[in-house]
Amino acid sequence: MTTQSQIDTSRVESEVFRAARNYFSDLGFVELFPPRIVRASGACENVDTLFEVRVEGDHKWFEPNGAKSHSYLAQTGQLYLEAFVPKYQNVYCVGPSFRAEAGVDARHLTEFTMLEIEFAGGFEKLLNHIEGMVSHVAHAIGDRATSLGIDADHSTRLKSCPSIFPRITYDDAIEELKSMGETIEWGDDIDRHREQKLVQQHGNVPLFITHYPDPMINFGKEIEVEKFFNMLPDPKRPGRVQSSDLILPISGESVGSAARVHEVGMLVDRLSNSKMFARLEKRGGGIDDFSWYIDKVRDNGAVPHAGCGFGMARILQWIIGVGDIRQAVTFVQNKEQLI
């Protein structure tokens, strides 16, 4: 049965995706349509949350190049987009991300929609694109908030969303949290509660946390903030990568982004020595899962590029003004809900 709540949410979803697509289309981005049944090259950094595809019990049903292979439901289209940057310069995709999130809570879903971009350019341009898209969507929805059933006070906050967001480095974020009385150490993940303390500290507007620890470096301690293998090390900040998370009021971390490694030797080295790859090997995967991507980079060349993934359900949370992600999407999918 379709509820009034679903109808209301679906209208906001439709307008948010329309505004987001229009923003990138107007900038000349080409929309691509990556596969959704993939090798491990379609995984995010946490391969343990992959859904494996089986056909009549056979987990190696696919036979690419005559060799039986594991296959999974895609979590990201990142590498597929990256492969087309030399051709188109600016590309994006919109599609589902499947993650086997065991927890059933106000923050996670097993299926949600991602909007991802990759483009020829660097880290500063990347942050500008994120600011541009998020503020564009906020203003577009804020202008129509009454007809979409969004609270008037929240509508005012959306319409006053700045075009430039405050930025702090991960190192500074840890120090700020310590000064607020939080028990946290460098290398720790910043949880939702602490994210919101930082947002409040910086004006209760979207906040960038940048320059996370390089996941390839041994810092002599466990680093909880694990990032994807091909994030580009920052030459001006030893031990840090050119990466960022956008933290939104209410919903928290919503956009993960980074400049990408584009030199093939460095790419293969970082992949094969990453924690992600070690976990993948335990699942029976290996370098062959990424061979198509490595071959494209080697054969077609690559250009300096960057990209990000917009977690649209969390953006919708902020747009609608609800604390529970399950109230921000029309169709809720988690471990306890399957339709």
C-alpha atoms as a PDB file:
ATOM      1  CA  MET A   1       0.000   0.000   0.000  1.00  0.00           C
ATOM      2  CA  THR A   2       1.308   3.436  -0.951  1.00  0.00           C
ATOM      3  CA  THR A   3       1.209   5.815   2.005  1.00  0.00           C
ATOM      4  CA  GLN A   4       0.864   9.590   1.949  1.00  0.00           C
ATOM      5  CA  SER A   5       4.331   9.800   3.479  1.00  0.00           C
ATOM      6  CA  GLN A   6       5.790   7.858   0.530  1.00  0.00           C
ATOM      7  CA  ILE A   7       3.980  10.106  -1.926  1.00  0.00           C
ATOM      8  CA  ASP A   8       5.322  13.241  -0.223  1.00  0.00           C
ATOM      9  CA  THR A   9       8.856  11.844  -0.094  1.00  0.00           C
ATOM     10  CA  SER A  10       8.779  10.722  -3.723  1.00  0.00           C
ATOM     11  CA  ARG A  11       7.964  14.267  -4.859  1.00  0.00           C
ATOM     12  CA  VAL A  12      10.972  15.675  -3.003  1.00  0.00           C
ATOM     13  CA  GLU A  13      13.209  12.865  -4.300  1.00  0.00           C
ATOM     14  CA  SER A  14      12.147  13.598  -7.861  1.00  0.00           C
ATOM     15  CA  GLU A  15      12.904  17.315  -7.549  1.00  0.00           C
ATOM     16  CA  VAL A  16      16.260  16.744  -5.825  1.00  0.00           C
ATOM     17  CA  PHE A  17      17.461  14.367  -8.552  1.00  0.00           C
ATOM     18  CA  ARG A  18      16.156  16.682 -11.263  1.00  0.00           C
ATOM     19  CA  ALA A  19      18.106  19.611  -9.801  1.00  0.00           C
ATOM     20  CA  ALA A  20      21.270  17.537  -9.339  1.00  0.00           C
ATOM     21  CA  ARG A  21      21.192  16.134 -12.863  1.00  0.00           C
ATOM     22  CA  ASN A  22      20.502  19.572 -14.327  1.00  0.00           C
ATOM     23  CA  TYR A  23      23.460  21.040 -12.442  1.00  0.00           C
ATOM     24  CA  PHE A  24      25.976  18.624 -13.955  1.00  0.00           C
ATOM     25  CA  SER A  25      24.308  18.485 -17.367  1.00  0.00           C
ATOM     26  CA  ASP A  26      24.526  22.271 -17.625  1.00  0.00           C
ATOM     27  CA  LEU A  27      28.274  22.012 -16.918  1.00  0.00           C
ATOM     28  CA  GLY A  28      28.717  19.618 -19.842  1.00  0.00           C
ATOM     29  CA  PHE A  29      29.006  16.373 -17.887  1.00  0.00           C
ATOM     30  CA  VAL A  30      28.166  13.219 -19.860  1.00  0.00           C
ATOM     31  CA  GLU A  31      25.947  10.692 -18.068  1.00  0.00           C
ATOM     32  CA  LEU A  32      27.213   7.101 -18.224  1.00  0.00           C
ATOM     33  CA  PHE A  33      25.512   3.874 -17.172  1.00  0.00           C
ATOM     34  CA  PRO A  34      27.980   1.542 -15.409  1.00  0.00           C
ATOM     35  CA  PRO A  35      27.130  -2.126 -14.810  1.00  0.00           C
ATOM     36  CA  ARG A  36      25.427  -3.134 -11.570  1.00  0.00           C
ATOM     37  CA  ILE A  37      26.600  -6.761 -11.525  1.00  0.00           C
ATOM     38  CA  VAL A  38      30.366  -6.461 -11.324  1.00  0.00           C
ATOM     39  CA  ARG A  39      33.683  -7.845 -10.235  1.00  0.00           C
ATOM     40  CA  ALA A  40      35.214  -6.456  -7.042  1.00  0.00           C
ATOM     41  CA  SER A  41      36.190  -3.376  -9.058  1.00  0.00           C
ATOM     42  CA  GLY A  42      32.671  -2.175  -8.296  1.00  0.00           C
ATOM     43  CA  ALA A  43      33.310  -2.203  -4.532  1.00  0.00           C
ATOM     44  CA  CYS A  44      33.918   0.628  -2.108  1.00  0.00           C
ATOM     45  CA  GLU A  45      36.826   0.376   0.347  1.00  0.00           C
ATOM     46  CA  ASN A  46      34.906  -2.006   2.629  1.00  0.00           C
ATOM     47  CA  VAL A  47      34.679  -5.166   0.518  1.00  0.00           C
ATOM     48  CA  ASP A  48      33.219  -7.029   3.492  1.00  0.00           C
ATOM     49  CA  THR A  49      29.863  -5.372   2.754  1.00  0.00           C
ATOM     50  CA  LEU A  50      29.593  -6.764  -0.790  1.00  0.00           C
ATOM     51  CA  PHE A  51      26.514  -8.750  -1.795  1.00  0.00           C
ATOM     52  CA  GLU A  52      27.742 -11.762  -3.769  1.00  0.00           C
ATOM     53  CA  VAL A  53      25.702 -12.925  -6.765  1.00  0.00           C
ATOM     54  CA  ARG A  54      24.906 -16.645  -6.998  1.00  0.00           C
ATOM     55  CA  VAL A  55      22.959 -18.471  -9.700  1.00  0.00           C
ATOM     56  CA  GLU A  56      21.472 -21.775  -8.513  1.00  0.00           C
ATOM     57  CA  GLY A  57      24.120 -21.854  -5.799  1.00  0.00           C
ATOM     58  CA  ASP A  58      27.006 -21.189  -8.190  1.00  0.00           C
ATOM     59  CA  HIS A  59      28.995 -18.176  -6.904  1.00  0.00           C
ATOM     60  CA  LYS A  60      31.227 -18.267  -9.992  1.00  0.00           C
ATOM     61  CA  TRP A  61      28.509 -18.312 -12.639  1.00  0.00           C
ATOM     62  CA  PHE A  62      30.160 -15.682 -14.835  1.00  0.00           C
ATOM     63  CA  GLU A  63      33.057 -16.811 -17.045  1.00  0.00           C
ATOM     64  CA  PRO A  64      34.879 -13.719 -18.375  1.00  0.00           C
ATOM     65  CA  ASN A  65      37.625 -14.749 -20.799  1.00  0.00           C
ATOM     66  CA  GLY A  66      36.807 -18.380 -20.070  1.00  0.00           C
ATOM     67  CA  ALA A  67      37.696 -18.161 -16.366  1.00  0.00           C
ATOM     68  CA  LYS A  68      35.012 -18.517 -13.698  1.00  0.00           C
ATOM     69  CA  SER A  69      34.693 -15.399 -11.576  1.00  0.00           C
ATOM     70  CA  HIS A  70      32.996 -14.106  -8.444  1.00  0.00           C
ATOM     71  CA  SER A  71      30.420 -11.390  -9.103  1.00  0.00           C
ATOM     72  CA  TYR A  72      28.755  -8.840  -6.855  1.00  0.00           C
ATOM     73  CA  LEU A  73      26.080  -6.176  -6.731  1.00  0.00           C
ATOM     74  CA  ALA A  74      27.824  -2.858  -7.395  1.00  0.00           C
ATOM     75  CA  GLN A  75      28.588  -0.371  -4.654  1.00  0.00           C
ATOM     76  CA  THR A  76      30.170   2.313  -6.827  1.00  0.00           C
ATOM     77  CA  GLY A  77      30.622   3.233 -10.468  1.00  0.00           C
ATOM     78  CA  GLN A  78      33.841   5.130  -9.735  1.00  0.00           C
ATOM     79  CA  LEU A  79      36.376   3.117 -11.717  1.00  0.00           C
ATOM     80  CA  TYR A  80      33.996   2.774 -14.665  1.00  0.00           C
ATOM     81  CA  LEU A  81      33.624   6.548 -14.770  1.00  0.00           C
ATOM     82  CA  GLU A  82      37.373   7.085 -14.373  1.00  0.00           C
ATOM     83  CA  ALA A  83      38.025   4.941 -17.444  1.00  0.00           C
ATOM     84  CA  PHE A  84      36.084   7.449 -19.579  1.00  0.00           C
ATOM     85  CA  VAL A  85      37.599  10.682 -18.241  1.00  0.00           C
ATOM     86  CA  PRO A  86      40.322  10.791 -20.956  1.00  0.00           C
ATOM     87  CA  LYS A  87      37.567  10.617 -23.586  1.00  0.00           C
ATOM     88  CA  TYR A  88      34.871  12.931 -22.186  1.00  0.00           C
ATOM     89  CA  GLN A  89      36.694  14.981 -19.499  1.00  0.00           C
ATOM     90  CA  ASN A  90      33.517  15.247 -17.363  1.00  0.00           C
ATOM     91  CA  VAL A  91      31.299  12.239 -16.587  1.00  0.00           C
ATOM     92  CA  TYR A  92      28.694  11.224 -14.030  1.00  0.00           C
ATOM     93  CA  CYS A  93      26.302   8.410 -13.205  1.00  0.00           C
ATOM     94  CA  VAL A  94      23.252   7.866 -11.026  1.00  0.00           C
ATOM     95  CA  GLY A  95      22.445   4.428  -9.697  1.00  0.00           C
ATOM     96  CA  PRO A  96      21.961   2.098  -6.742  1.00  0.00           C
ATOM     97  CA  SER A  97      24.670   1.172  -4.257  1.00  0.00           C
ATOM     98  CA  PHE A  98      24.228  -2.156  -2.464  1.00  0.00           C
ATOM     99  CA  ARG A  99      25.873  -2.660   0.929  1.00  0.00           C
ATOM    100  CA  ALA A 100      25.380  -5.530   3.358  1.00  0.00           C
ATOM    101  CA  GLU A 101      24.982  -3.266   6.382  1.00  0.00           C
ATOM    102  CA  ALA A 102      24.080  -5.539   9.300  1.00  0.00           C
ATOM    103  CA  GLY A 103      22.955  -2.695  11.538  1.00  0.00           C
ATOM    104  CA  VAL A 104      19.400  -1.408  11.287  1.00  0.00           C
ATOM    105  CA  ASP A 105      19.514   2.224  12.360  1.00  0.00           C
ATOM    106  CA  ALA A 106      18.721   5.807  11.431  1.00  0.00           C
ATOM    107  CA  ARG A 107      21.905   6.197   9.378  1.00  0.00           C
ATOM    108  CA  HIS A 108      22.356   3.162   7.100  1.00  0.00           C
ATOM    109  CA  LEU A 109      20.507   1.380   4.294  1.00  0.00           C
ATOM    110  CA  THR A 110      21.349  -1.763   2.330  1.00  0.00           C
ATOM    111  CA  GLU A 111      20.352  -0.064  -0.921  1.00  0.00           C
ATOM    112  CA  PHE A 112      20.539   3.637  -1.685  1.00  0.00           C
ATOM    113  CA  THR A 113      21.151   5.858  -4.692  1.00  0.00           C
ATOM    114  CA  MET A 114      24.507   7.436  -5.451  1.00  0.00           C
ATOM    115  CA  LEU A 115      25.275  10.259  -7.837  1.00  0.00           C
ATOM    116  CA  GLU A 116      28.955  10.025  -8.772  1.00  0.00           C
ATOM    117  CA  ILE A 117      31.175  12.314 -10.812  1.00  0.00           C
ATOM    118  CA  GLU A 118      34.695  12.072 -12.244  1.00  0.00           C
ATOM    119  CA  PHE A 119      36.390  14.829 -14.219  1.00  0.00           C
ATOM    120  CA  ALA A 120      39.741  16.035 -15.520  1.00  0.00           C
ATOM    121  CA  GLY A 121      41.005  18.412 -12.862  1.00  0.00           C
ATOM    122  CA  GLY A 122      42.247  18.689  -9.315  1.00  0.00           C
ATOM    123  CA  PHE A 123      41.200  18.796  -5.688  1.00  0.00           C
ATOM    124  CA  GLU A 124      40.173  22.453  -5.488  1.00  0.00           C
ATOM    125  CA  LYS A 125      37.903  22.141  -8.515  1.00  0.00           C
ATOM    126  CA  LEU A 126      36.408  19.026  -6.922  1.00  0.00           C
ATOM    127  CA  LEU A 127      35.416  20.869  -3.760  1.00  0.00           C
ATOM    128  CA  ASN A 128      33.947  23.642  -5.902  1.00  0.00           C
ATOM    129  CA  HIS A 129      31.792  21.134  -7.791  1.00  0.00           C
ATOM    130  CA  ILE A 130      30.502  19.675  -4.514  1.00  0.00           C
ATOM    131  CA  GLU A 131      29.699  23.122  -3.126  1.00  0.00           C
ATOM    132  CA  GLY A 132      28.012  24.066  -6.368  1.00  0.00           C
ATOM    133  CA  MET A 133      25.788  21.006  -6.608  1.00  0.00           C
ATOM    134  CA  VAL A 134      24.745  20.910  -2.943  1.00  0.00           C
ATOM    135  CA  SER A 135      23.970  24.625  -2.740  1.00  0.00           C
ATOM    136  CA  HIS A 136      22.147  24.499  -6.100  1.00  0.00           C
ATOM    137  CA  VAL A 137      19.901  21.670  -4.876  1.00  0.00           C
ATOM    138  CA  ALA A 138      19.311  23.405  -1.530  1.00  0.00           C
ATOM    139  CA  HIS A 139      18.182  26.629  -3.198  1.00  0.00           C
ATOM    140  CA  ALA A 140      16.098  24.821  -5.833  1.00  0.00           C
ATOM    141  CA  ILE A 141      14.176  22.895  -3.175  1.00  0.00           C
ATOM    142  CA  GLY A 142      14.066  25.822  -0.748  1.00  0.00           C
ATOM    143  CA  ASP A 143      12.289  27.907  -3.381  1.00  0.00           C
ATOM    144  CA  ARG A 144       9.587  25.230  -3.716  1.00  0.00           C
ATOM    145  CA  ALA A 145       9.541  24.033  -0.125  1.00  0.00           C
ATOM    146  CA  THR A 146       5.950  24.964   0.696  1.00  0.00           C
ATOM    147  CA  SER A 147       4.525  23.043  -2.265  1.00  0.00           C
ATOM    148  CA  LEU A 148       6.742  20.079  -1.348  1.00  0.00           C
ATOM    149  CA  GLY A 149       5.563  20.022   2.262  1.00  0.00           C
ATOM    150  CA  ILE A 150       8.863  21.116   3.819  1.00  0.00           C
ATOM    151  CA  ASP A 151       8.716  23.074   7.078  1.00  0.00           C
ATOM    152  CA  ALA A 152       8.932  26.865   6.604  1.00  0.00           C
ATOM    153  CA  ASP A 153      11.806  27.340   9.066  1.00  0.00           C
ATOM    154  CA  HIS A 154      13.804  24.584   7.404  1.00  0.00           C
ATOM    155  CA  SER A 155      13.010  26.086   4.016  1.00  0.00           C
ATOM    156  CA  THR A 156      14.611  29.346   5.170  1.00  0.00           C
ATOM    157  CA  ARG A 157      17.771  27.465   6.170  1.00  0.00           C
ATOM    158  CA  LEU A 158      17.943  25.795   2.754  1.00  0.00           C
ATOM    159  CA  LYS A 159      17.553  29.104   0.919  1.00  0.00           C
ATOM    160  CA  SER A 160      20.327  30.614   3.047  1.00  0.00           C
ATOM    161  CA  CYS A 161      22.753  27.762   2.281  1.00  0.00           C
ATOM    162  CA  PRO A 162      26.107  29.410   1.435  1.00  0.00           C
ATOM    163  CA  SER A 163      27.801  28.883  -1.921  1.00  0.00           C
ATOM    164  CA  ILE A 164      31.177  28.344  -0.206  1.00  0.00           C
ATOM    165  CA  PHE A 165      31.447  25.903   2.702  1.00  0.00           C
ATOM    166  CA  PRO A 166      33.875  26.083   5.645  1.00  0.00           C
ATOM    167  CA  ARG A 167      36.820  23.662   5.531  1.00  0.00           C
ATOM    168  CA  ILE A 168      38.967  22.059   8.202  1.00  0.00           C
ATOM    169  CA  THR A 169      41.584  19.355   7.898  1.00  0.00           C
ATOM    170  CA  TYR A 170      41.172  16.012   9.631  1.00  0.00           C
ATOM    171  CA  ASP A 171      44.086  16.918  11.926  1.00  0.00           C
ATOM    172  CA  ASP A 172      42.401  20.172  12.953  1.00  0.00           C
ATOM    173  CA  ALA A 173      39.055  18.416  13.409  1.00  0.00           C
ATOM    174  CA  ILE A 174      40.613  16.058  15.958  1.00  0.00           C
ATOM    175  CA  GLU A 175      42.149  18.978  17.857  1.00  0.00           C
ATOM    176  CA  GLU A 176      38.867  20.919  17.818  1.00  0.00           C
ATOM    177  CA  LEU A 177      36.999  17.922  19.217  1.00  0.00           C
ATOM    178  CA  LYS A 178      39.571  17.520  21.977  1.00  0.00           C
ATOM    179  CA  SER A 179      39.133  21.185  22.877  1.00  0.00           C
ATOM    180  CA  MET A 180      35.380  20.521  23.182  1.00  0.00           C
ATOM    181  CA  GLY A 181      36.046  17.807  25.739  1.00  0.00           C
ATOM    182  CA  GLU A 182      35.745  14.811  23.418  1.00  0.00           C
ATOM    183  CA  THR A 183      37.912  11.779  24.159  1.00  0.00           C
ATOM    184  CA  ILE A 184      39.347  11.136  20.716  1.00  0.00           C
ATOM    185  CA  GLU A 185      42.784  10.426  19.280  1.00  0.00           C
ATOM    186  CA  TRP A 186      44.388  11.078  15.930  1.00  0.00           C
ATOM    187  CA  GLY A 187      43.559   8.153  13.652  1.00  0.00           C
ATOM    188  CA  ASP A 188      40.102   7.621  15.153  1.00  0.00           C
ATOM    189  CA  ASP A 189      36.998   7.759  13.019  1.00  0.00           C
ATOM    190  CA  ILE A 190      34.763  10.776  13.616  1.00  0.00           C
ATOM    191  CA  ASP A 191      31.324   9.429  14.494  1.00  0.00           C
ATOM    192  CA  ARG A 192      27.959  11.060  13.812  1.00  0.00           C
ATOM    193  CA  HIS A 193      27.728  12.794  17.199  1.00  0.00           C
ATOM    194  CA  ARG A 194      31.155  14.365  16.757  1.00  0.00           C
ATOM    195  CA  GLU A 195      30.439  15.316  13.155  1.00  0.00           C
ATOM    196  CA  GLN A 196      27.474  17.360  14.320  1.00  0.00           C
ATOM    197  CA  LYS A 197      29.506  19.057  17.052  1.00  0.00           C
ATOM    198  CA  LEU A 198      31.928  20.221  14.370  1.00  0.00           C
ATOM    199  CA  VAL A 199      29.082  21.381  12.121  1.00  0.00           C
ATOM    200  CA  GLN A 200      27.614  23.430  14.975  1.00  0.00           C
ATOM    201  CA  GLN A 201      31.046  24.892  15.693  1.00  0.00           C
ATOM    202  CA  HIS A 202      31.277  26.105  12.085  1.00  0.00           C
ATOM    203  CA  GLY A 203      27.899  27.784  11.708  1.00  0.00           C
ATOM    204  CA  ASN A 204      25.547  24.813  11.240  1.00  0.00           C
ATOM    205  CA  VAL A 205      26.170  24.736   7.490  1.00  0.00           C
ATOM    206  CA  PRO A 206      27.743  22.033   5.287  1.00  0.00           C
ATOM    207  CA  LEU A 207      31.351  21.444   6.402  1.00  0.00           C
ATOM    208  CA  PHE A 208      34.311  19.891   4.569  1.00  0.00           C
ATOM    209  CA  ILE A 209      36.764  17.740   6.530  1.00  0.00           C
ATOM    210  CA  THR A 210      39.820  17.364   4.302  1.00  0.00           C
ATOM    211  CA  HIS A 211      43.231  15.683   4.061  1.00  0.00           C
ATOM    212  CA  TYR A 212      42.731  12.355   5.771  1.00  0.00           C
ATOM    213  CA  PRO A 213      45.651  10.052   6.674  1.00  0.00           C
ATOM    214  CA  ASP A 214      47.163   8.198   3.715  1.00  0.00           C
ATOM    215  CA  PRO A 215      45.929   4.579   4.062  1.00  0.00           C
ATOM    216  CA  MET A 216      49.182   3.259   2.574  1.00  0.00           C
ATOM    217  CA  ILE A 217      51.431   4.605   5.340  1.00  0.00           C
ATOM    218  CA  ASN A 218      52.253   2.760   8.552  1.00  0.00           C
ATOM    219  CA  PHE A 219      51.761   5.338  11.286  1.00  0.00           C
ATOM    220  CA  GLY A 220      52.613   2.854  14.037  1.00  0.00           C
ATOM    221  CA  LYS A 221      48.992   2.623  15.163  1.00  0.00           C
ATOM    222  CA  GLU A 222      45.650   1.429  13.868  1.00  0.00           C
ATOM    223  CA  ILE A 223      43.997   4.008  11.623  1.00  0.00           C
ATOM    224  CA  GLU A 224      40.208   3.744  11.710  1.00  0.00           C
ATOM    225  CA  VAL A 225      39.562   6.262   8.946  1.00  0.00           C
ATOM    226  CA  GLU A 226      40.202   3.920   6.038  1.00  0.00           C
ATOM    227  CA  LYS A 227      40.022   5.428   2.557  1.00  0.00           C
ATOM    228  CA  PHE A 228      39.994   4.083  -1.020  1.00  0.00           C
ATOM    229  CA  PHE A 229      43.329   2.921  -2.446  1.00  0.00           C
ATOM    230  CA  ASN A 230      43.636   5.372  -5.341  1.00  0.00           C
ATOM    231  CA  MET A 231      43.388   8.632  -3.406  1.00  0.00           C
ATOM    232  CA  LEU A 232      46.221  10.951  -4.383  1.00  0.00           C
ATOM    233  CA  PRO A 233      48.881  11.739  -1.742  1.00  0.00           C
ATOM    234  CA  ASP A 234      49.219  15.467  -1.110  1.00  0.00           C
ATOM    235  CA  PRO A 235      52.784  16.610  -1.924  1.00  0.00           C
ATOM    236  CA  LYS A 236      52.412  19.582   0.448  1.00  0.00           C
ATOM    237  CA  ARG A 237      51.107  17.506   3.372  1.00  0.00           C
ATOM    238  CA  PRO A 238      53.229  14.392   3.940  1.00  0.00           C
ATOM    239  CA  GLY A 239      51.191  11.413   5.090  1.00  0.00           C
ATOM    240  CA  ARG A 240      47.900  12.907   3.949  1.00  0.00           C
ATOM    241  CA  VAL A 241      45.767  12.389   0.860  1.00  0.00           C
ATOM    242  CA  GLN A 242      43.814  14.942  -1.157  1.00  0.00           C
ATOM    243  CA  SER A 243      40.477  13.728   0.107  1.00  0.00           C
ATOM    244  CA  SER A 244      37.402  15.186   1.727  1.00  0.00           C
ATOM    245  CA  ASP A 245      34.131  14.244   3.388  1.00  0.00           C
ATOM    246  CA  LEU A 246      31.260  16.707   3.278  1.00  0.00           C
ATOM    247  CA  ILE A 247      29.410  16.761   6.603  1.00  0.00           C
ATOM    248  CA  LEU A 248      25.830  18.010   6.426  1.00  0.00           C
ATOM    249  CA  PRO A 249      23.742  19.288   9.320  1.00  0.00           C
ATOM    250  CA  ILE A 250      21.380  16.556  10.545  1.00  0.00           C
ATOM    251  CA  SER A 251      22.580  13.720   8.288  1.00  0.00           C
ATOM    252  CA  GLY A 252      26.369  13.878   8.667  1.00  0.00           C
ATOM    253  CA  GLU A 253      28.895  12.466   6.186  1.00  0.00           C
ATOM    254  CA  SER A 254      27.188  12.630   2.802  1.00  0.00           C
ATOM    255  CA  VAL A 255      29.815  13.120   0.076  1.00  0.00           C
ATOM    256  CA  GLY A 256      33.147  11.299  -0.085  1.00  0.00           C
ATOM    257  CA  SER A 257      35.666  12.742  -2.530  1.00  0.00           C
ATOM    258  CA  ALA A 258      39.307  12.737  -3.603  1.00  0.00           C
ATOM    259  CA  ALA A 259      41.805  13.528  -6.300  1.00  0.00           C
ATOM    260  CA  ARG A 260      42.801  10.213  -7.932  1.00  0.00           C
ATOM    261  CA  VAL A 261      46.103   8.498  -8.627  1.00  0.00           C
ATOM    262  CA  HIS A 262      46.475   8.323 -12.411  1.00  0.00           C
ATOM    263  CA  GLU A 263      49.987   6.882 -12.919  1.00  0.00           C
ATOM    264  CA  VAL A 264      49.583   3.158 -13.586  1.00  0.00           C
ATOM    265  CA  GLY A 265      52.606   1.914 -11.602  1.00  0.00           C
ATOM    266  CA  MET A 266      51.579   3.843  -8.503  1.00  0.00           C
ATOM    267  CA  LEU A 267      47.983   2.731  -8.999  1.00  0.00           C
ATOM    268  CA  VAL A 268      48.854  -0.979  -9.055  1.00  0.00           C
ATOM    269  CA  ASP A 269      51.217  -0.611  -6.095  1.00  0.00           C
ATOM    270  CA  ARG A 270      48.622   1.120  -3.933  1.00  0.00           C
ATOM    271  CA  LEU A 271      45.925  -1.366  -4.896  1.00  0.00           C
ATOM    272  CA  SER A 272      47.986  -4.494  -4.234  1.00  0.00           C
ATOM    273  CA  ASN A 273      49.245  -3.183  -0.880  1.00  0.00           C
ATOM    274  CA  SER A 274      45.926  -1.856   0.424  1.00  0.00           C
ATOM    275  CA  LYS A 275      43.909  -3.282   3.317  1.00  0.00           C
ATOM    276  CA  MET A 276      40.992  -3.528   0.925  1.00  0.00           C
ATOM    277  CA  PHE A 277      42.993  -5.836  -1.360  1.00  0.00           C
ATOM    278  CA  ALA A 278      44.082  -8.042   1.553  1.00  0.00           C
ATOM    279  CA  ARG A 279      40.439  -8.537   2.535  1.00  0.00           C
ATOM    280  CA  LEU A 280      39.492  -9.175  -1.079  1.00  0.00           C
ATOM    281  CA  GLU A 281      42.097 -11.943  -1.355  1.00  0.00           C
ATOM    282  CA  LYS A 282      40.555 -13.644   1.671  1.00  0.00           C
ATOM    283  CA  ARG A 283      37.264 -13.686  -0.247  1.00  0.00           C
ATOM    284  CA  GLY A 284      38.935 -15.356  -3.225  1.00  0.00           C
ATOM    285  CA  GLY A 285      39.503 -12.220  -5.291  1.00  0.00           C
ATOM    286  CA  GLY A 286      42.673 -10.727  -6.677  1.00  0.00           C
ATOM    287  CA  ILE A 287      44.303  -8.405  -9.174  1.00  0.00           C
ATOM    288  CA  ASP A 288      42.256  -9.932 -12.024  1.00  0.00           C
ATOM    289  CA  ASP A 289      39.193  -8.183 -10.605  1.00  0.00           C
ATOM    290  CA  PHE A 290      40.795  -4.878 -11.590  1.00  0.00           C
ATOM    291  CA  SER A 291      42.609  -5.981 -14.760  1.00  0.00           C
ATOM    292  CA  TRP A 292      40.129  -4.308 -17.128  1.00  0.00           C
ATOM    293  CA  TYR A 293      40.635  -0.970 -15.349  1.00  0.00           C
ATOM    294  CA  ILE A 294      44.420  -1.240 -15.141  1.00  0.00           C
ATOM    295  CA  ASP A 295      44.546  -2.169 -18.847  1.00  0.00           C
ATOM    296  CA  LYS A 296      42.427   0.860 -19.782  1.00  0.00           C
ATOM    297  CA  VAL A 297      44.704   3.179 -17.812  1.00  0.00           C
ATOM    298  CA  ARG A 298      47.792   1.578 -19.353  1.00  0.00           C
ATOM    299  CA  ASP A 299      46.482   1.480 -22.931  1.00  0.00           C
ATOM    300  CA  ASN A 300      44.483   4.708 -23.107  1.00  0.00           C
ATOM    301  CA  GLY A 301      46.505   6.819 -20.745  1.00  0.00           C
ATOM    302  CA  ALA A 302      45.073   8.841 -17.915  1.00  0.00           C
ATOM    303  CA  VAL A 303      44.864  12.488 -17.017  1.00  0.00           C
ATOM    304  CA  PRO A 304      44.959  14.120 -13.591  1.00  0.00           C
ATOM    305  CA  HIS A 305      41.421  13.716 -12.358  1.00  0.00           C
ATOM    306  CA  ALA A 306      39.190  13.759  -9.314  1.00  0.00           C
ATOM    307  CA  GLY A 307      35.729  12.675  -8.292  1.00  0.00           C
ATOM    308  CA  CYS A 308      33.197  11.997  -5.602  1.00  0.00           C
ATOM    309  CA  GLY A 309      30.070  10.124  -4.625  1.00  0.00           C
ATOM    310  CA  PHE A 310      26.988  11.949  -3.372  1.00  0.00           C
ATOM    311  CA  GLY A 311      25.012   9.776  -0.946  1.00  0.00           C
ATOM    312  CA  MET A 312      21.633  11.029  -2.075  1.00  0.00           C
ATOM    313  CA  ALA A 313      19.638   9.545   0.813  1.00  0.00           C
ATOM    314  CA  ARG A 314      21.654  11.576   3.317  1.00  0.00           C
ATOM    315  CA  ILE A 315      21.356  14.665   1.156  1.00  0.00           C
ATOM    316  CA  LEU A 316      17.598  14.089   1.142  1.00  0.00           C
ATOM    317  CA  GLN A 317      17.663  13.783   4.940  1.00  0.00           C
ATOM    318  CA  TRP A 318      19.165  17.246   5.167  1.00  0.00           C
ATOM    319  CA  ILE A 319      16.881  18.684   2.483  1.00  0.00           C
ATOM    320  CA  ILE A 320      13.720  17.358   4.174  1.00  0.00           C
ATOM    321  CA  GLY A 321      15.046  17.979   7.683  1.00  0.00           C
ATOM    322  CA  VAL A 322      14.615  14.521   9.243  1.00  0.00           C
ATOM    323  CA  GLY A 323      16.975  12.743  11.623  1.00  0.00           C
ATOM    324  CA  ASP A 324      16.178   9.235  10.369  1.00  0.00           C
ATOM    325  CA  ILE A 325      17.347   8.188   6.898  1.00  0.00           C
ATOM    326  CA  ARG A 326      14.335   5.878   6.652  1.00  0.00           C
ATOM    327  CA  GLN A 327      12.112   8.957   6.489  1.00  0.00           C
ATOM    328  CA  ALA A 328      14.094  10.428   3.594  1.00  0.00           C
ATOM    329  CA  VAL A 329      13.575   7.787   0.875  1.00  0.00           C
ATOM    330  CA  THR A 330      10.426   6.454  -0.745  1.00  0.00           C
ATOM    331  CA  PHE A 331      11.415   2.787  -0.588  1.00  0.00           C
ATOM    332  CA  VAL A 332      13.359   1.755   2.517  1.00  0.00           C
ATOM    333  CA  GLN A 333      15.705  -1.215   2.156  1.00  0.00           C
ATOM    334  CA  ASN A 334      17.622  -2.559   5.154  1.00  0.00           C
ATOM    335  CA  LYS A 335      18.176  -5.944   6.786  1.00  0.00           C
ATOM    336  CA  GLU A 336      14.688  -5.894   8.284  1.00  0.00           C
ATOM    337  CA  GLN A 337      12.850  -4.399   5.302  1.00  0.00           C
ATOM    338  CA  LEU A 338      12.740  -6.042   1.866  1.00  0.00           C
ATOM    339  CA  ILE A 339       9.993  -5.291  -0.644  1.00  0.00           C
END
